[in-house]
N, C-alpha and C. Protein backbone atom coordinates (compact mmCIF):
# COMPACT_ATOMS: atom_id res chain seq x y z
N MET A 1 14.02 -12.96 -40.50
CA MET A 1 12.81 -12.14 -39.57
C MET A 1 12.73 -11.43 -38.47
N GLY A 2 11.73 -10.24 -38.11
CA GLY A 2 11.83 -9.71 -37.75
C GLY A 2 10.74 -9.07 -36.19
N ILE A 3 11.44 -9.58 -35.51
CA ILE A 3 10.77 -9.76 -34.05
C ILE A 3 12.36 -8.70 -33.65
N GLN A 4 11.59 -7.57 -33.35
CA GLN A 4 12.32 -7.09 -31.82
C GLN A 4 11.90 -6.63 -30.82
N GLN A 5 12.44 -7.12 -29.73
CA GLN A 5 11.79 -6.75 -28.16
C GLN A 5 11.89 -5.34 -28.37
N ILE A 6 11.17 -4.36 -27.37
CA ILE A 6 11.35 -2.96 -26.62
C ILE A 6 11.28 -2.86 -25.08
N GLN A 7 12.31 -1.76 -25.09
CA GLN A 7 12.09 -2.31 -22.95
C GLN A 7 12.10 -0.69 -23.14
N PRO A 8 10.62 0.25 -23.40
CA PRO A 8 11.22 1.88 -22.83
C PRO A 8 11.53 1.94 -21.40
N LYS A 9 12.74 2.62 -21.46
CA LYS A 9 13.53 3.11 -20.21
C LYS A 9 12.63 4.11 -19.45
N GLU A 10 11.70 4.58 -19.63
CA GLU A 10 10.91 5.45 -19.42
C GLU A 10 9.59 4.25 -18.72
N LEU A 11 8.98 2.47 -18.84
CA LEU A 11 8.11 2.15 -17.80
C LEU A 11 8.78 1.11 -17.05
N PHE A 12 8.62 1.65 -16.09
CA PHE A 12 8.01 0.03 -15.31
C PHE A 12 8.47 -1.15 -15.62
N GLN A 13 8.62 -1.77 -15.31
CA GLN A 13 9.71 -3.97 -15.91
C GLN A 13 9.29 -4.15 -14.69
N ARG A 14 8.77 -5.50 -14.47
CA ARG A 14 8.16 -6.42 -13.74
C ARG A 14 10.02 -7.65 -13.75
N LYS A 15 10.33 -8.42 -13.10
CA LYS A 15 11.85 -8.84 -13.24
C LYS A 15 11.68 -10.25 -12.40
N LEU A 16 12.00 -10.91 -12.84
CA LEU A 16 11.96 -12.17 -12.29
C LEU A 16 14.60 -12.38 -11.93
N GLY A 17 14.84 -12.68 -11.12
CA GLY A 17 16.41 -13.17 -11.37
C GLY A 17 16.95 -11.86 -11.47
N GLY A 18 16.89 -10.47 -12.34
CA GLY A 18 16.69 -9.66 -12.73
C GLY A 18 16.02 -9.21 -14.29
N LYS A 19 16.07 -9.83 -14.96
CA LYS A 19 15.37 -10.44 -15.97
C LYS A 19 13.76 -9.74 -16.20
N PRO A 20 13.44 -9.48 -16.89
CA PRO A 20 11.95 -8.57 -17.91
C PRO A 20 11.91 -9.96 -18.11
N LEU A 21 10.03 -9.98 -17.28
CA LEU A 21 9.32 -10.93 -17.43
C LEU A 21 8.72 -11.13 -18.90
N TYR A 22 8.98 -9.96 -19.05
CA TYR A 22 7.52 -9.87 -20.90
C TYR A 22 7.98 -8.94 -20.99
N SER A 23 8.33 -8.56 -22.73
CA SER A 23 8.08 -7.55 -23.29
C SER A 23 7.50 -6.48 -23.54
N ALA A 24 7.65 -4.89 -23.52
CA ALA A 24 6.17 -3.49 -23.28
C ALA A 24 6.40 -3.95 -24.81
N VAL A 25 6.95 -3.59 -25.79
CA VAL A 25 6.63 -4.34 -27.26
C VAL A 25 7.03 -4.66 -28.02
N VAL A 26 6.88 -5.27 -29.51
CA VAL A 26 7.46 -6.26 -29.96
C VAL A 26 6.53 -6.14 -31.37
N ALA A 27 8.01 -5.80 -31.98
CA ALA A 27 7.99 -5.20 -33.76
C ALA A 27 7.88 -6.34 -34.24
N ALA A 28 6.62 -7.07 -35.23
CA ALA A 28 7.30 -8.31 -36.40
C ALA A 28 7.02 -7.95 -37.63
N THR A 29 7.84 -8.59 -38.27
CA THR A 29 7.10 -8.73 -39.37
C THR A 29 7.74 -10.57 -40.02
N GLY A 30 6.69 -11.19 -40.71
CA GLY A 30 6.40 -12.16 -41.07
C GLY A 30 5.19 -12.97 -41.42
N LYS A 31 5.40 -14.41 -41.14
CA LYS A 31 3.94 -14.89 -40.76
C LYS A 31 3.28 -14.84 -40.12
N GLN A 32 1.86 -14.99 -39.51
CA GLN A 32 1.53 -14.64 -37.82
C GLN A 32 0.62 -16.57 -37.93
N ILE A 33 1.24 -16.89 -36.84
CA ILE A 33 0.13 -17.17 -36.13
C ILE A 33 0.09 -17.37 -34.82
N PHE A 34 -1.20 -17.90 -34.46
CA PHE A 34 -2.46 -17.53 -33.60
C PHE A 34 -2.95 -18.73 -33.33
N VAL A 35 -1.94 -18.66 -31.60
CA VAL A 35 -3.01 -20.40 -31.18
C VAL A 35 -3.93 -20.19 -30.13
N ALA A 36 -4.84 -20.14 -30.50
CA ALA A 36 -6.61 -19.78 -29.93
C ALA A 36 -6.19 -20.70 -28.84
N GLY A 37 -6.83 -20.13 -27.66
CA GLY A 37 -6.65 -20.51 -26.26
C GLY A 37 -6.09 -21.89 -25.09
N THR A 38 -5.25 -21.81 -24.56
CA THR A 38 -5.63 -23.28 -24.88
C THR A 38 -5.06 -23.76 -23.10
N VAL A 39 -5.41 -24.90 -22.92
CA VAL A 39 -5.98 -25.48 -21.66
C VAL A 39 -4.94 -26.32 -20.95
N SER A 40 -4.85 -27.57 -20.37
CA SER A 40 -4.71 -27.72 -19.63
C SER A 40 -5.36 -29.57 -19.57
N ARG A 41 -5.35 -29.97 -21.14
CA ARG A 41 -5.93 -30.76 -21.06
C ARG A 41 -4.75 -31.92 -21.84
N ASN A 42 -4.61 -32.65 -21.29
CA ASN A 42 -3.75 -33.99 -22.34
C ASN A 42 -4.48 -34.93 -23.74
N GLN A 43 -3.99 -35.67 -23.90
CA GLN A 43 -4.39 -36.22 -25.53
C GLN A 43 -5.54 -36.41 -25.29
N ALA A 44 -5.68 -36.99 -24.21
CA ALA A 44 -7.00 -37.82 -23.82
C ALA A 44 -8.47 -36.66 -24.39
N GLY A 45 -8.51 -35.52 -23.40
CA GLY A 45 -9.00 -33.98 -22.56
C GLY A 45 -9.38 -34.79 -21.28
N GLU A 46 -8.13 -35.36 -21.09
CA GLU A 46 -8.60 -34.66 -19.55
C GLU A 46 -7.25 -34.17 -18.85
N ILE A 47 -7.99 -33.19 -17.77
CA ILE A 47 -7.67 -31.91 -17.20
C ILE A 47 -6.39 -32.59 -16.36
N VAL A 48 -5.64 -32.06 -17.12
CA VAL A 48 -4.23 -32.47 -16.48
C VAL A 48 -4.45 -31.18 -14.74
N GLY A 49 -3.61 -30.88 -13.44
CA GLY A 49 -3.59 -30.57 -12.69
C GLY A 49 -4.44 -30.39 -11.85
N VAL A 50 -5.53 -31.19 -11.58
CA VAL A 50 -6.96 -30.16 -11.44
C VAL A 50 -5.88 -29.72 -9.34
N GLY A 51 -6.62 -28.17 -9.18
CA GLY A 51 -6.06 -28.18 -7.72
C GLY A 51 -4.91 -27.17 -7.66
N ASP A 52 -4.17 -28.15 -9.49
CA ASP A 52 -2.25 -27.21 -8.74
C ASP A 52 -2.73 -26.41 -9.67
N MET A 53 -1.90 -24.79 -9.64
CA MET A 53 -2.62 -24.44 -10.79
C MET A 53 -0.26 -24.74 -11.26
N ARG A 54 0.51 -24.88 -10.79
CA ARG A 54 1.87 -25.63 -11.48
C ARG A 54 1.83 -26.07 -12.26
N ALA A 55 0.80 -27.45 -12.05
CA ALA A 55 0.83 -28.29 -13.08
C ALA A 55 0.09 -27.55 -13.79
N GLN A 56 -1.09 -26.90 -13.52
CA GLN A 56 -2.03 -26.94 -14.85
C GLN A 56 -0.85 -25.72 -16.10
N ILE A 57 -0.25 -24.96 -15.33
CA ILE A 57 0.29 -23.33 -16.27
C ILE A 57 1.89 -24.67 -16.60
N LEU A 58 2.40 -25.36 -16.70
CA LEU A 58 2.83 -26.48 -16.66
C LEU A 58 2.36 -27.11 -18.15
N GLN A 59 1.23 -27.74 -18.48
CA GLN A 59 0.86 -28.63 -19.04
C GLN A 59 0.37 -27.58 -20.36
N VAL A 60 -0.60 -26.61 -19.96
CA VAL A 60 -0.71 -25.64 -21.26
C VAL A 60 0.74 -25.38 -21.85
N ALA A 61 1.64 -25.28 -21.14
CA ALA A 61 3.16 -24.97 -22.01
C ALA A 61 3.49 -25.66 -23.28
N GLU A 62 3.09 -27.38 -22.89
CA GLU A 62 3.75 -28.33 -23.10
C GLU A 62 2.42 -28.55 -24.59
N ASN A 63 0.99 -28.18 -24.10
CA ASN A 63 0.58 -28.07 -25.44
C ASN A 63 0.56 -26.99 -25.76
N LEU A 64 1.28 -26.01 -25.72
CA LEU A 64 1.96 -24.95 -26.55
C LEU A 64 2.52 -24.70 -27.50
N ARG A 65 3.16 -25.78 -27.15
CA ARG A 65 4.68 -25.88 -28.28
C ARG A 65 4.07 -27.58 -28.90
N ILE A 66 3.09 -27.91 -28.27
CA ILE A 66 3.41 -28.38 -30.06
C ILE A 66 2.24 -27.96 -30.71
N SER A 67 1.13 -27.49 -30.23
CA SER A 67 0.59 -26.05 -31.26
C SER A 67 0.75 -24.97 -32.16
N LEU A 68 2.21 -24.67 -31.26
CA LEU A 68 3.36 -24.03 -32.23
C LEU A 68 4.30 -25.02 -33.60
N LYS A 69 4.82 -25.81 -32.66
CA LYS A 69 5.72 -26.81 -33.59
C LYS A 69 4.70 -27.26 -35.16
N ALA A 70 3.43 -27.13 -34.52
CA ALA A 70 2.03 -27.89 -35.74
C ALA A 70 2.45 -26.89 -37.01
N ALA A 71 2.88 -25.45 -36.10
CA ALA A 71 2.27 -25.09 -38.05
C ALA A 71 3.51 -23.22 -37.72
N GLY A 72 4.74 -24.66 -37.49
CA GLY A 72 6.29 -24.73 -37.55
C GLY A 72 6.59 -23.39 -37.29
N ALA A 73 6.72 -23.46 -35.78
CA ALA A 73 7.40 -21.98 -35.47
C ALA A 73 7.88 -22.16 -33.81
N THR A 74 8.33 -22.22 -33.05
CA THR A 74 8.92 -22.23 -31.45
C THR A 74 8.74 -21.08 -30.59
N PHE A 75 9.05 -21.65 -29.10
CA PHE A 75 8.41 -20.64 -28.15
C PHE A 75 9.04 -19.47 -28.63
N LYS A 76 10.72 -19.11 -29.23
CA LYS A 76 11.14 -17.88 -29.42
C LYS A 76 10.63 -17.44 -30.71
N ASP A 77 9.41 -17.70 -31.63
CA ASP A 77 8.59 -16.25 -32.28
C ASP A 77 7.36 -15.87 -31.43
N LEU A 78 6.74 -16.34 -30.28
CA LEU A 78 5.94 -15.61 -29.67
C LEU A 78 6.25 -14.28 -29.14
N VAL A 79 5.10 -13.13 -29.94
CA VAL A 79 5.48 -12.13 -29.86
C VAL A 79 4.73 -11.31 -28.72
N LYS A 80 3.31 -11.73 -28.01
CA LYS A 80 1.95 -11.21 -27.11
C LYS A 80 1.23 -12.79 -26.91
N THR A 81 0.96 -12.51 -26.01
CA THR A 81 0.77 -13.10 -25.26
C THR A 81 -1.19 -13.25 -24.66
N THR A 82 -1.49 -14.60 -23.63
CA THR A 82 -3.19 -13.03 -22.65
C THR A 82 -3.51 -14.92 -22.74
N THR A 83 -3.61 -14.70 -20.90
CA THR A 83 -3.39 -15.16 -19.35
C THR A 83 -4.67 -14.84 -19.39
N TYR A 84 -5.92 -16.40 -18.76
CA TYR A 84 -6.61 -16.17 -17.71
C TYR A 84 -6.31 -17.35 -17.11
N VAL A 85 -6.46 -16.18 -16.38
CA VAL A 85 -6.54 -17.65 -14.44
C VAL A 85 -7.56 -17.14 -13.61
N THR A 86 -7.90 -17.90 -13.02
CA THR A 86 -9.18 -17.96 -12.76
C THR A 86 -8.91 -17.43 -10.65
N ASP A 87 -7.03 -17.60 -10.75
CA ASP A 87 -6.68 -16.73 -9.14
C ASP A 87 -5.78 -16.02 -9.72
N ILE A 88 -5.22 -14.67 -9.48
CA ILE A 88 -4.12 -14.08 -10.00
C ILE A 88 -3.09 -13.86 -9.26
N ASP A 89 -3.23 -13.86 -7.65
CA ASP A 89 -3.08 -14.16 -6.53
C ASP A 89 -2.19 -16.46 -6.47
N GLU A 90 -2.66 -16.57 -6.75
CA GLU A 90 -2.33 -17.89 -7.39
C GLU A 90 -1.21 -18.07 -8.31
N PHE A 91 -1.99 -17.85 -9.19
CA PHE A 91 -0.43 -18.14 -10.57
C PHE A 91 0.46 -17.21 -10.32
N PHE A 92 0.04 -15.87 -9.87
CA PHE A 92 1.59 -14.78 -9.57
C PHE A 92 2.25 -15.56 -8.73
N LYS A 93 2.60 -16.97 -8.12
CA LYS A 93 3.60 -17.86 -6.85
C LYS A 93 4.27 -18.48 -7.86
N TYR A 94 4.53 -18.76 -9.11
CA TYR A 94 5.36 -19.53 -10.52
C TYR A 94 5.33 -18.84 -11.64
N PRO A 95 6.54 -17.40 -10.93
CA PRO A 95 6.47 -17.18 -12.48
C PRO A 95 7.44 -18.06 -13.39
N ASP A 96 8.59 -18.79 -12.05
CA ASP A 96 9.27 -19.33 -13.20
C ASP A 96 8.75 -20.02 -14.18
N ALA A 97 7.49 -21.01 -13.83
CA ALA A 97 6.95 -21.31 -14.49
C ALA A 97 6.90 -21.22 -15.52
N ARG A 98 6.40 -19.79 -15.62
CA ARG A 98 5.25 -18.99 -16.74
C ARG A 98 6.79 -18.77 -17.11
N ALA A 99 8.06 -18.57 -17.02
CA ALA A 99 9.22 -18.49 -17.38
C ALA A 99 9.69 -19.73 -18.13
N THR A 100 9.13 -20.38 -18.56
CA THR A 100 9.73 -21.46 -18.85
C THR A 100 9.13 -21.01 -20.05
N ILE A 101 8.12 -20.92 -20.84
CA ILE A 101 7.09 -20.70 -21.68
C ILE A 101 7.75 -19.32 -21.72
N PHE A 102 8.09 -18.59 -21.69
CA PHE A 102 7.76 -17.37 -22.33
C PHE A 102 9.63 -17.03 -22.67
N SER A 103 10.63 -16.67 -21.74
CA SER A 103 11.19 -16.19 -22.03
C SER A 103 12.84 -16.42 -22.37
N GLU A 104 12.51 -17.56 -23.52
CA GLU A 104 13.48 -17.49 -25.30
C GLU A 104 12.36 -16.70 -26.06
N SER A 105 11.24 -16.18 -25.65
CA SER A 105 10.80 -14.93 -26.79
C SER A 105 10.93 -13.30 -26.36
N MET A 106 10.29 -13.19 -25.16
CA MET A 106 9.91 -11.98 -24.57
C MET A 106 8.74 -11.86 -25.15
N PRO A 107 8.08 -12.23 -25.20
CA PRO A 107 5.95 -11.80 -26.38
C PRO A 107 5.71 -10.63 -24.75
N THR A 108 4.84 -9.49 -25.51
CA THR A 108 4.60 -8.40 -25.02
C THR A 108 2.88 -10.04 -24.09
N SER A 109 3.08 -9.56 -22.72
CA SER A 109 1.91 -10.06 -21.81
C SER A 109 0.95 -9.37 -21.16
N THR A 110 0.01 -10.55 -21.67
CA THR A 110 -1.55 -9.62 -21.11
C THR A 110 -2.32 -10.56 -20.10
N THR A 111 -2.75 -10.50 -18.61
CA THR A 111 -3.00 -11.40 -17.93
C THR A 111 -3.68 -10.14 -16.84
N VAL A 112 -5.06 -11.57 -17.62
CA VAL A 112 -6.29 -11.25 -16.52
C VAL A 112 -6.67 -12.02 -15.30
N GLU A 113 -7.75 -12.41 -14.03
CA GLU A 113 -8.30 -13.04 -13.42
C GLU A 113 -9.73 -13.01 -13.84
N VAL A 114 -10.23 -13.98 -14.14
CA VAL A 114 -11.52 -14.49 -14.68
C VAL A 114 -12.15 -15.40 -13.51
N ARG A 115 -13.48 -14.76 -13.41
CA ARG A 115 -14.00 -15.27 -12.96
C ARG A 115 -14.98 -17.68 -12.88
N ARG A 116 -14.34 -17.38 -14.02
CA ARG A 116 -14.41 -19.33 -14.21
C ARG A 116 -13.98 -19.11 -15.64
N LEU A 117 -13.48 -20.26 -16.13
CA LEU A 117 -12.37 -21.15 -17.44
C LEU A 117 -13.92 -21.56 -18.17
N SER A 118 -13.44 -23.10 -18.37
CA SER A 118 -15.55 -23.62 -19.51
C SER A 118 -15.96 -24.65 -18.76
N GLN A 119 -14.57 -24.84 -17.34
CA GLN A 119 -14.89 -25.99 -16.33
C GLN A 119 -14.30 -25.95 -15.67
N PRO A 120 -15.61 -26.07 -14.54
CA PRO A 120 -14.47 -25.50 -12.93
C PRO A 120 -13.29 -25.57 -12.47
N GLU A 121 -12.82 -26.86 -12.89
CA GLU A 121 -11.30 -26.80 -12.45
C GLU A 121 -10.10 -26.96 -13.07
N LEU A 122 -10.13 -26.05 -14.12
CA LEU A 122 -9.61 -25.62 -14.77
C LEU A 122 -9.43 -24.27 -14.25
N MET A 123 -7.45 -24.56 -14.34
CA MET A 123 -7.33 -22.96 -13.49
C MET A 123 -6.42 -21.24 -14.50
N VAL A 124 -5.84 -21.71 -15.58
CA VAL A 124 -5.57 -21.53 -16.41
C VAL A 124 -5.44 -21.50 -17.85
N GLU A 125 -5.91 -20.21 -19.01
CA GLU A 125 -5.46 -20.22 -20.25
C GLU A 125 -4.76 -19.74 -20.71
N ILE A 126 -3.30 -20.15 -21.64
CA ILE A 126 -3.11 -18.92 -22.14
C ILE A 126 -3.40 -19.02 -24.24
N GLU A 127 -3.85 -18.08 -24.72
CA GLU A 127 -3.36 -18.18 -25.94
C GLU A 127 -2.08 -17.13 -26.58
N VAL A 128 -1.22 -17.41 -27.50
CA VAL A 128 -0.71 -16.57 -28.53
C VAL A 128 -0.40 -16.04 -29.87
N VAL A 129 0.59 -15.51 -29.87
CA VAL A 129 0.66 -15.14 -31.64
C VAL A 129 1.79 -14.72 -31.54
N ALA A 130 2.50 -16.14 -32.43
CA ALA A 130 3.47 -16.07 -32.51
C ALA A 130 3.52 -15.65 -34.76
N VAL A 131 5.25 -15.16 -34.58
CA VAL A 131 5.54 -14.66 -35.69
C VAL A 131 6.45 -15.96 -36.68
N VAL A 132 6.37 -16.34 -37.28
CA VAL A 132 7.93 -16.92 -38.48
C VAL A 132 8.48 -16.40 -39.81
N ASN A 133 9.82 -17.25 -41.04
CA ASN A 133 10.42 -16.13 -41.25
C ASN A 133 8.51 -17.78 -42.68
N GLU A 134 8.41 -17.20 -43.67
CA GLU A 134 7.71 -16.92 -44.78
C GLU A 134 9.05 -18.02 -45.18
């Protein structure tokens, strides 16, 4: 499998505890896996962590783990993430929670604040792309 994280020295890099939070560039070859926008619903469809951004991030992480596993992938195989949040200032209070999802893979990352998600109680939605050997 070919996943290469690239951090051009000429670019600024956000860090947590001295470690970059994401890769500026990822080059990858292999089977591509696309996971739809994932929210903090449990298996019964109930929203986990209403009003609690950290709890929602962690539930989204668990849901992403389940989705990736179903396709034969893990967090280590992530190459790209897109995160939609309803309050970016609140989201950035929990870089450690985000790091539990992405620290193994160092994917590229985009975070966007949106007015709302599919239900008003939802605060975060993340879609990912992974690449694994065929």
